Protein backbone atom coordinates (compact mmCIF):
# COMPACT_ATOMS: atom_id res chain seq x y z
CA UNK A 1 71.85 159.92 35.16
CA UNK A 2 72.28 157.20 32.52
CA UNK A 3 75.38 156.01 34.40
CA UNK A 4 73.39 155.68 37.61
CA UNK A 5 70.64 153.64 35.85
CA UNK A 6 73.24 151.35 34.30
CA UNK A 7 74.81 150.72 37.69
CA UNK A 8 71.45 149.75 39.22
CA UNK A 9 70.78 147.32 36.33
CA UNK A 10 74.13 145.66 36.85
CA UNK A 11 73.42 145.17 40.57
CA UNK A 12 70.01 143.68 39.79
CA UNK A 13 71.49 141.18 37.35
CA UNK A 14 74.18 140.23 39.90
CA UNK A 15 71.54 139.58 42.62
CA UNK A 16 69.54 137.40 40.21
CA UNK A 17 72.63 135.30 39.42
CA UNK A 18 73.40 134.95 43.14
CA UNK A 19 69.86 133.81 43.90
CA UNK A 20 69.98 131.24 41.11
CA UNK A 21 73.32 130.03 42.43
CA UNK A 22 71.90 129.54 45.93
CA UNK A 23 68.91 127.63 44.55
CA UNK A 24 71.16 125.32 42.52
CA UNK A 25 73.37 124.71 45.60
CA UNK A 26 70.36 123.84 47.76
CA UNK A 27 69.11 121.42 45.12
CA UNK A 28 72.52 119.71 44.95
CA UNK A 29 72.62 119.34 48.77
CA UNK A 30 69.11 117.92 48.89
CA UNK A 31 69.85 115.43 46.13
CA UNK A 32 72.94 114.27 48.02
CA UNK A 33 70.87 113.10 51.05
CA UNK A 34 69.67 109.46 51.19
CA UNK A 35 66.09 109.22 50.11
CA UNK A 36 64.46 107.25 52.94
CA UNK A 37 62.14 107.34 55.90
CA UNK A 38 61.82 105.01 58.92
CA UNK A 39 59.00 102.75 59.97
CA UNK A 40 59.16 100.09 62.67
CA UNK A 41 62.92 100.54 62.90
CA UNK A 42 63.31 99.75 59.15
CA UNK A 43 64.48 102.03 56.37
CA UNK A 44 62.05 102.31 53.44
CA UNK A 45 61.98 104.52 50.36
CA UNK A 46 59.98 107.70 50.50
CA UNK A 47 59.33 109.23 47.09
CA UNK A 48 57.29 111.99 48.68
CA UNK A 49 60.36 113.84 49.87
CA UNK A 50 62.37 113.67 46.64
CA UNK A 51 63.18 117.30 45.96
CA UNK A 52 61.80 118.78 42.74
CA UNK A 53 64.07 121.39 41.20
CA UNK A 54 60.99 123.25 39.98
CA UNK A 55 59.72 123.73 43.55
CA UNK A 56 60.00 127.14 45.12
CA UNK A 57 62.31 127.77 48.06
CA UNK A 58 59.48 127.43 50.63
CA UNK A 59 58.68 123.91 49.47
CA UNK A 60 62.34 122.97 49.42
CA UNK A 61 62.77 124.22 52.98
CA UNK A 62 59.74 122.16 54.06
CA UNK A 63 61.27 119.03 52.53
CA UNK A 64 64.57 119.68 54.31
CA UNK A 65 62.78 120.04 57.67
CA UNK A 66 60.89 116.78 57.08
CA UNK A 67 64.10 114.98 56.19
CA UNK A 68 65.85 116.29 59.31
CA UNK A 69 62.92 115.18 61.47
CA UNK A 70 63.04 111.67 60.05
CA UNK A 71 66.78 111.46 60.63
CA UNK A 72 66.36 112.70 64.24
CA UNK A 73 63.58 110.18 64.95
CA UNK A 74 65.70 107.36 63.54
CA UNK A 75 68.65 108.40 65.74
CA UNK A 76 66.44 108.55 68.83
CA UNK A 77 65.02 105.09 68.12
CA UNK A 78 68.50 103.66 67.78
CA UNK A 79 69.63 105.30 71.03
CA UNK A 80 66.52 104.05 72.83
CA UNK A 81 67.07 100.51 71.56
CA UNK A 82 70.74 100.55 72.60
CA UNK A 83 69.78 101.94 76.01
CA UNK A 84 67.25 99.18 76.55
CA UNK A 85 69.84 96.55 75.67
CA UNK A 86 72.33 98.12 78.08
CA UNK A 87 69.72 98.25 80.86
CA UNK A 88 68.95 94.57 80.37
CA UNK A 89 72.66 93.76 80.60
CA UNK A 90 73.00 95.83 83.81
CA UNK A 91 69.96 94.14 85.35
CA UNK A 92 71.44 90.73 84.61
CA UNK A 93 74.77 91.73 86.24
CA UNK A 94 73.00 93.13 89.31
CA UNK A 95 70.86 90.02 89.63
CA UNK A 96 73.93 87.79 89.34
CA UNK A 97 75.87 89.80 91.95
CA UNK A 98 72.86 89.87 94.27
CA UNK A 99 72.48 86.12 94.01
CA UNK A 100 76.21 85.70 94.73
CA UNK A 101 75.78 87.75 97.91
CA UNK A 102 72.61 85.90 98.93
CA UNK A 103 74.38 82.56 98.57
CA UNK A 104 77.08 83.56 101.06
CA UNK A 105 76.84 82.53 104.70
CA UNK A 106 75.95 85.16 107.28
CA UNK A 107 78.90 86.32 109.42
CA UNK A 108 79.36 84.74 112.81
CA UNK A 109 77.59 86.95 115.40
CA UNK A 110 80.53 86.37 117.70
CA UNK A 111 82.65 88.52 115.36
CA UNK A 112 80.45 91.62 115.82
CA UNK A 113 83.06 93.35 117.99
CA UNK A 114 86.06 92.35 115.87
CA UNK A 115 88.29 94.95 114.21
CA UNK A 116 87.12 98.04 116.05
CA UNK A 117 90.79 98.36 116.94
CA UNK A 118 93.86 96.52 115.74
CA UNK A 119 95.86 94.14 117.88
CA UNK A 120 97.70 96.10 120.54
CA UNK A 121 101.32 95.30 121.18
CA UNK A 122 101.98 94.38 124.79
CA UNK A 123 104.38 97.27 125.37
CA UNK A 124 105.37 98.02 128.94
CA UNK A 125 106.14 101.51 130.16
CA UNK A 126 109.77 102.32 129.51
CA UNK A 127 112.17 103.29 132.23
CA UNK A 128 112.87 107.01 132.09
CA UNK A 129 116.47 107.70 131.17
CA UNK A 130 116.61 111.49 131.51
CA UNK A 131 118.51 113.56 128.98
CA UNK A 132 117.74 116.89 130.67
CA UNK A 133 116.69 117.99 134.13
CA UNK A 134 113.65 119.97 133.11
CA UNK A 135 111.42 120.35 130.08
CA UNK A 136 107.98 121.94 129.67
CA UNK A 137 105.13 120.16 127.90
CA UNK A 138 105.24 122.08 124.62
CA UNK A 139 108.95 121.40 124.20
CA UNK A 140 108.53 117.72 125.05
CA UNK A 141 105.91 117.51 122.29
CA UNK A 142 108.26 119.22 119.86
CA UNK A 143 111.10 116.83 120.73
CA UNK A 144 108.82 113.79 120.39
CA UNK A 145 107.83 114.89 116.88
CA UNK A 146 111.47 115.41 115.89
CA UNK A 147 112.41 111.95 117.14
CA UNK A 148 109.49 110.21 115.44
CA UNK A 149 110.20 111.96 112.13
CA UNK A 150 113.68 110.47 112.31
CA UNK A 151 112.24 107.07 113.24
CA UNK A 152 109.61 106.87 110.48
CA UNK A 153 110.32 108.30 107.03
CA UNK A 154 106.64 107.83 106.08
CA UNK A 155 105.51 110.25 108.78
CA UNK A 156 104.24 113.64 107.64
CA UNK A 157 103.12 116.63 109.70
CA UNK A 158 100.78 119.39 108.62
CA UNK A 159 98.21 121.86 109.91
CA UNK A 160 97.49 125.56 110.07
CA UNK A 161 100.66 127.68 110.40
CA UNK A 162 102.74 124.73 111.62
CA UNK A 163 105.66 125.26 109.23
CA UNK A 164 108.64 127.45 109.99
CA UNK A 165 109.32 130.21 110.75
CA UNK A 166 106.18 130.24 112.90
CA UNK A 167 106.14 126.59 113.91
CA UNK A 168 102.53 126.68 115.07
CA UNK A 169 100.73 129.20 117.26
CA UNK A 170 102.25 127.52 120.34
CA UNK A 171 105.61 126.65 118.63
CA UNK A 172 105.00 122.91 119.11
CA UNK A 173 106.22 122.21 115.56
CA UNK A 174 109.02 124.78 115.40
CA UNK A 175 112.10 123.68 113.47
CA UNK A 176 110.44 120.66 111.85
CA UNK A 177 109.95 122.00 108.32
CA UNK A 178 113.44 123.48 108.33
CA UNK A 179 114.93 120.13 109.23
CA UNK A 180 112.73 117.71 107.26
CA UNK A 181 111.66 119.84 104.32
CA UNK A 182 108.40 121.09 102.86
CA UNK A 183 107.48 117.66 101.46
CA UNK A 184 107.06 116.22 104.96
CA UNK A 185 106.14 119.28 107.05
CA UNK A 186 103.87 121.91 105.57
CA UNK A 187 101.04 124.35 106.16
CA UNK A 188 97.47 123.43 105.34
CA UNK A 189 94.50 125.58 104.33
CA UNK A 190 92.30 126.97 107.08
CA UNK A 191 89.96 123.98 106.75
CA UNK A 192 89.77 121.31 109.45
CA UNK A 193 87.66 118.97 107.34
CA UNK A 194 90.31 119.12 104.62
CA UNK A 195 93.11 118.49 107.12
CA UNK A 196 91.50 115.35 108.51
CA UNK A 197 90.03 114.21 105.20
CA UNK A 198 93.36 114.28 103.38
CA UNK A 199 95.01 112.58 106.36
CA UNK A 200 92.54 109.70 105.97
CA UNK A 201 93.68 109.16 102.39
CA UNK A 202 97.34 109.36 103.33
CA UNK A 203 96.92 106.94 106.23
CA UNK A 204 95.09 104.39 104.09
CA UNK A 205 97.85 104.73 101.47
CA UNK A 206 100.56 103.81 103.98
CA UNK A 207 101.72 107.15 105.36
CA UNK A 208 101.64 108.25 109.00
CA UNK A 209 99.98 111.67 109.06
CA UNK A 210 100.30 113.61 112.31
CA UNK A 211 98.05 116.63 111.88
CA UNK A 212 97.30 119.58 114.12
CA UNK A 213 93.90 121.15 114.69
CA UNK A 214 94.94 124.59 115.90
CA UNK A 215 92.25 124.79 118.60
CA UNK A 216 89.86 122.07 119.76
CA UNK A 217 87.06 124.60 119.41
CA UNK A 218 87.32 124.26 115.61
CA UNK A 219 87.51 120.49 115.30
CA UNK A 220 83.76 120.28 114.72
CA UNK A 221 83.93 120.92 110.97
CA UNK A 222 85.97 117.71 110.73
CA UNK A 223 83.49 115.61 112.72
CA UNK A 224 82.07 113.85 109.66
CA UNK A 225 85.52 112.65 108.66
CA UNK A 226 86.47 111.67 112.23
CA UNK A 227 83.20 109.93 113.06
CA UNK A 228 82.41 108.23 109.75
CA UNK A 229 85.85 107.61 108.27
CA UNK A 230 88.73 107.81 110.75
CA UNK A 231 87.13 105.84 113.59
CA UNK A 232 85.38 103.24 111.41
CA UNK A 233 87.88 102.51 108.65
CA UNK A 234 89.20 99.26 110.12
CA UNK A 235 85.77 97.99 111.21
CA UNK A 236 83.81 98.68 108.04
CA UNK A 237 86.54 97.19 105.84
CA UNK A 238 86.69 94.01 107.96
CA UNK A 239 90.31 94.78 108.83
CA UNK A 240 91.31 95.25 105.18
CA UNK A 241 92.15 98.94 105.66
CA UNK A 242 93.55 100.89 108.57
CA UNK A 243 93.72 104.58 109.39
CA UNK A 244 96.80 105.09 111.62
CA UNK A 245 96.86 108.83 112.09
CA UNK A 246 97.37 111.23 115.01
CA UNK A 247 95.26 114.34 115.49
CA UNK A 248 96.95 116.76 117.89
CA UNK A 249 94.49 119.17 119.49
CA UNK A 250 95.15 122.00 121.98
CA UNK A 251 92.17 122.09 124.35
CA UNK A 252 90.90 123.58 127.60
CA UNK A 253 90.35 126.88 129.32
CA UNK A 254 91.79 129.01 132.13
CA UNK A 255 93.52 131.25 129.55
CA UNK A 256 90.70 133.81 129.17
CA UNK A 257 90.19 132.66 125.60
CA UNK A 258 86.41 132.94 125.56
CA UNK A 259 83.96 130.45 124.17
CA UNK A 260 85.90 129.78 120.94
CA UNK A 261 89.35 129.15 122.46
CA UNK A 262 88.54 127.42 125.76
CA UNK A 263 86.47 124.36 124.98
CA UNK A 264 87.02 120.92 126.45
CA UNK A 265 86.16 118.21 123.95
CA UNK A 266 86.94 114.96 125.80
CA UNK A 267 83.29 114.30 126.63
CA UNK A 268 82.42 114.09 122.96
CA UNK A 269 85.22 111.81 121.88
CA UNK A 270 85.15 109.40 124.83
CA UNK A 271 81.82 108.36 123.31
CA UNK A 272 83.43 107.39 119.99
CA UNK A 273 84.60 103.78 119.51
CA UNK A 274 87.50 103.18 117.15
CA UNK A 275 89.78 106.05 118.13
CA UNK A 276 92.20 106.25 121.06
CA UNK A 277 92.41 109.34 123.29
CA UNK A 278 95.46 110.64 125.17
CA UNK A 279 95.35 113.57 127.61
CA UNK A 280 98.67 114.07 129.45
CA UNK A 281 99.20 116.30 132.47
CA UNK A 282 103.00 116.55 132.53
CA UNK A 283 105.93 116.78 130.13
CA UNK A 284 107.32 113.24 130.42
CA UNK A 285 103.86 111.72 129.90
CA UNK A 286 103.28 114.00 126.92
CA UNK A 287 106.47 112.82 125.24
CA UNK A 288 105.97 109.13 125.97
CA UNK A 289 102.32 109.11 124.93
CA UNK A 290 102.91 111.09 121.73
CA UNK A 291 105.76 108.84 120.65
CA UNK A 292 103.54 105.85 121.36
CA UNK A 293 100.67 107.39 119.37
CA UNK A 294 102.98 107.90 116.38
CA UNK A 295 103.76 104.18 116.36
CA UNK A 296 100.27 102.80 116.87
CA UNK A 297 98.33 101.29 113.99
CA UNK A 298 95.05 102.98 114.91
CA UNK A 299 93.89 106.61 114.98
CA UNK A 300 94.62 108.72 118.05
CA UNK A 301 93.27 112.06 119.25
CA UNK A 302 96.06 113.61 121.29
CA UNK A 303 94.68 116.34 123.56
CA UNK A 304 97.11 118.95 124.83
CA UNK A 305 95.91 121.40 127.46
CA UNK A 306 97.23 124.72 126.22
CA UNK A 307 97.16 126.12 129.74
CA UNK A 308 99.81 123.54 130.69
CA UNK A 309 102.18 124.09 127.77
CA UNK A 310 104.69 126.19 129.74
CA UNK A 311 103.62 125.68 133.33
CA UNK A 312 106.50 124.97 135.69
CA UNK A 313 104.45 122.51 137.74
CA UNK A 314 103.84 120.42 134.61
CA UNK A 315 107.54 120.29 133.71
CA UNK A 316 109.59 117.14 134.34
CA UNK A 317 112.86 115.52 133.43
CA UNK A 318 112.97 114.77 129.72
CA UNK A 319 113.04 111.07 128.80
CA UNK A 320 115.34 109.90 126.02
CA UNK A 321 114.22 108.88 122.53
CA UNK A 322 113.52 105.30 123.62
CA UNK A 323 110.79 106.25 126.08
CA UNK A 324 107.33 104.93 125.20
CA UNK A 325 104.25 105.14 127.38
CA UNK A 326 101.53 102.60 126.51
CA UNK A 327 97.91 103.68 126.38
CA UNK A 328 95.60 102.51 129.15
CA UNK A 329 98.16 102.81 131.95
CA UNK A 330 97.25 105.43 134.55
CA UNK A 331 99.58 106.97 137.09
CA UNK A 332 99.30 107.14 140.86
CA UNK A 333 100.19 110.76 141.64
CA UNK A 334 99.55 110.59 145.39
CA UNK A 335 98.86 107.63 147.67
CA UNK A 336 96.02 107.51 150.19
CA UNK A 337 93.55 105.14 151.84
CA UNK A 338 90.34 107.14 152.44
CA UNK A 339 89.28 108.57 149.08
CA UNK A 340 90.20 107.97 145.43
CA UNK A 341 90.35 111.10 143.29
CA UNK A 342 90.33 110.32 139.55
CA UNK A 343 91.38 113.06 137.15
CA UNK A 344 93.53 114.01 134.13
CA UNK A 345 94.91 117.01 132.25
CA UNK A 346 94.93 120.37 134.01
CA UNK A 347 92.75 119.04 136.82
CA UNK A 348 95.62 116.99 138.24
CA UNK A 349 97.33 120.10 139.58
CA UNK A 350 94.08 121.67 140.79
CA UNK A 351 93.28 118.48 142.69
CA UNK A 352 96.67 118.49 144.38
CA UNK A 353 96.18 122.14 145.34
CA UNK A 354 92.72 121.33 146.72
CA UNK A 355 94.21 118.67 148.98
CA UNK A 356 96.83 121.13 150.20
CA UNK A 357 94.09 123.69 150.86
CA UNK A 358 92.41 121.26 153.25
CA UNK A 359 95.73 120.61 155.01
CA UNK A 360 95.05 116.89 155.01
CA UNK A 361 97.70 114.31 155.90
CA UNK A 362 99.58 112.93 152.93
CA UNK A 363 98.07 109.44 153.17
CA UNK A 364 94.35 110.36 153.01
CA UNK A 365 93.63 111.10 149.32
CA UNK A 366 94.84 108.85 146.53
CA UNK A 367 95.14 110.81 143.28
CA UNK A 368 95.03 108.91 139.99
CA UNK A 369 95.98 110.53 136.69
CA UNK A 370 94.33 108.47 133.95
CA UNK A 371 96.69 109.77 131.20
CA UNK A 372 94.42 108.24 128.51
CA UNK A 373 90.64 108.32 128.25
CA UNK A 374 90.45 105.50 125.74
CA UNK A 375 91.37 103.05 127.03
CA UNK A 376 90.80 103.81 130.73
CA UNK A 377 92.92 101.98 133.28
CA UNK A 378 90.09 100.27 135.18
CA UNK A 379 92.56 97.96 136.94
CA UNK A 380 94.26 100.95 138.57
CA UNK A 381 90.87 102.35 139.58
CA UNK A 382 89.76 99.07 141.09
CA UNK A 383 92.93 98.59 143.11
CA UNK A 384 92.52 102.06 144.55
CA UNK A 385 88.81 101.69 145.41
CA UNK A 386 89.57 98.46 147.25
CA UNK A 387 91.66 100.59 149.64
CA UNK A 388 89.49 103.71 149.89
CA UNK A 389 85.85 102.81 149.21
CA UNK A 390 85.07 106.35 148.02
CA UNK A 391 85.51 108.04 144.63
CA UNK A 392 85.60 111.61 143.36
CA UNK A 393 85.97 112.27 139.62
CA UNK A 394 87.30 115.71 138.65
CA UNK A 395 87.30 116.95 135.06
CA UNK A 396 87.15 120.23 133.12
CA UNK A 397 84.46 119.30 130.59
CA UNK A 398 80.75 119.96 131.26
CA UNK A 399 79.09 118.12 134.12
CA UNK A 400 76.13 116.79 132.12
CA UNK A 401 77.12 113.85 129.92
CA UNK A 402 80.76 114.65 130.56
CA UNK A 403 83.45 111.96 130.76
CA UNK A 404 82.98 111.81 134.52
CA UNK A 405 79.42 110.56 134.05
CA UNK A 406 80.61 107.52 132.12
CA UNK A 407 83.50 106.82 134.46
CA UNK A 408 81.16 107.06 137.45
CA UNK A 409 78.69 104.71 135.76
CA UNK A 410 81.42 102.15 135.06
CA UNK A 411 82.58 102.31 138.68
CA UNK A 412 79.03 101.85 139.97
CA UNK A 413 78.49 98.98 137.57
CA UNK A 414 81.73 97.10 138.21
CA UNK A 415 82.72 98.05 141.76
CA UNK A 416 79.46 98.89 143.54
CA UNK A 417 80.10 96.51 146.41
CA UNK A 418 83.46 98.15 147.07
CA UNK A 419 81.89 101.59 147.59
CA UNK A 420 81.17 103.16 150.98
CA UNK A 421 79.56 106.30 149.54
CA UNK A 422 78.24 107.88 146.33
CA UNK A 423 80.54 108.55 143.39
CA UNK A 424 80.84 112.35 143.25
CA UNK A 425 81.89 114.63 140.37
CA UNK A 426 83.40 118.07 140.06
CA UNK A 427 83.20 119.57 136.57
CA UNK A 428 82.47 122.70 134.57
CA UNK A 429 78.98 124.08 134.67
CA UNK A 430 76.75 123.44 131.69
CA UNK A 431 77.60 126.69 129.97
CA UNK A 432 79.85 128.10 127.27
CA UNK A 433 83.14 129.42 128.64
CA UNK A 434 82.88 133.23 128.95
CA UNK A 435 85.69 135.64 128.16
CA UNK A 436 85.64 137.76 131.31
CA UNK A 437 87.93 136.10 133.84
CA UNK A 438 85.64 136.72 136.82
CA UNK A 439 82.75 134.95 135.09
CA UNK A 440 85.09 132.27 133.71
CA UNK A 441 85.98 131.32 137.29
CA UNK A 442 82.30 130.67 137.99
CA UNK A 443 81.98 128.31 135.04
CA UNK A 444 85.22 126.29 135.13
CA UNK A 445 85.99 124.07 138.15
CA UNK A 446 88.18 125.78 140.73
CA UNK A 447 90.40 124.51 143.54
CA UNK A 448 87.78 125.42 146.13
CA UNK A 449 85.16 123.35 144.30
CA UNK A 450 87.39 120.29 144.52
CA UNK A 451 88.16 120.95 148.19
CA UNK A 452 84.47 121.22 149.04
CA UNK A 453 83.68 117.94 147.30
CA UNK A 454 86.56 116.15 149.05
CA UNK A 455 85.41 117.39 152.44
CA UNK A 456 81.79 116.37 151.89
CA UNK A 457 82.74 112.91 150.65
CA UNK A 458 85.16 112.26 153.49
CA UNK A 459 82.39 113.15 155.96
CA UNK A 460 79.81 110.88 154.30
């Protein structure tokens, strides 16, 4: 028992010594702090917070808290003063820059339409020197990309699943990554806004991005980049920056793809200044237009009707690697003198079939394939209307606010006195494209629809 009592006494003495040691340490720390307080941003002595070694721990703790508060308040006052000085400096810089801008002359109003597009080279359509007897559209696109990758080492190609071994869902890019490597041809994330957004940066930095949006139905997530960056880069920078990129987009229906794999998007983009639009209907045009797009110094949306990719009627001889087809040059597919039929894309073939269905003579209907929707070959249209006096516009996009509405309005505005009847349109009904093929036929324009419109207009 005596041993137990002795042990407790030793512990008590040890705790007392520890407590005294802590008190002495606290006193030393307190004495090491500067003895001051602040008033009006000045440091003055403060004898009230000098620690007294005889004080108990509660008083010492109170003094420490007061000292910390004074130090914090001093720090805050210094930060506030420095912030005010910085704000004054910023205000002076802003005022000076604002005055600099105010002193500048206003731009000449006559320059309001400058730099929407760059200067276009006066390139004439090349003569076709065939290197093969027959090629389908998707292969002509593939060959054009191969040739332009050889031509321009700054050209890069990317999109969803476009690299080998797949080479894209339609094989339009097959063999490219194998030949030119993963640094120039590569897969992108499943993110259209990222595809177009990164292409903007690459184009501004001097590269030539040629990107693929896998289906036109999914281009909408990239609309902010296309509308606010791609199409406006040259204009808003006063021609200091350019955005020469190509966006390849499979579009259109007639493949039973439903509402998310059948959309026509030309009506939306024909409304957008600052970006060129190509929409070929045959293999040779597809190759010539794509090669031209890859060499232009402005952005291009290159629409490819997926229903035409491997159609025999859209196949042609393949032009050589020198073939270039300038934008804004339409093609006369059939000659006639009673009615002008204006169309593009998959509707070219349907229009020709509609004429055959009526068993009309070969010289009645003049069929014009526009090839590009921006710019539109208004000279070709005018020369045809002078002969025929009647116009029918056939397109796959919706009737309401579709591209045919604008083309019809331009014809009425510019060539009204040449017309002998109303400008008529055949287009898709104002509806999503359904999946079931029987219902799809009711929504998308059919050969019989075109035939009926031709007959009515000829009889007007």
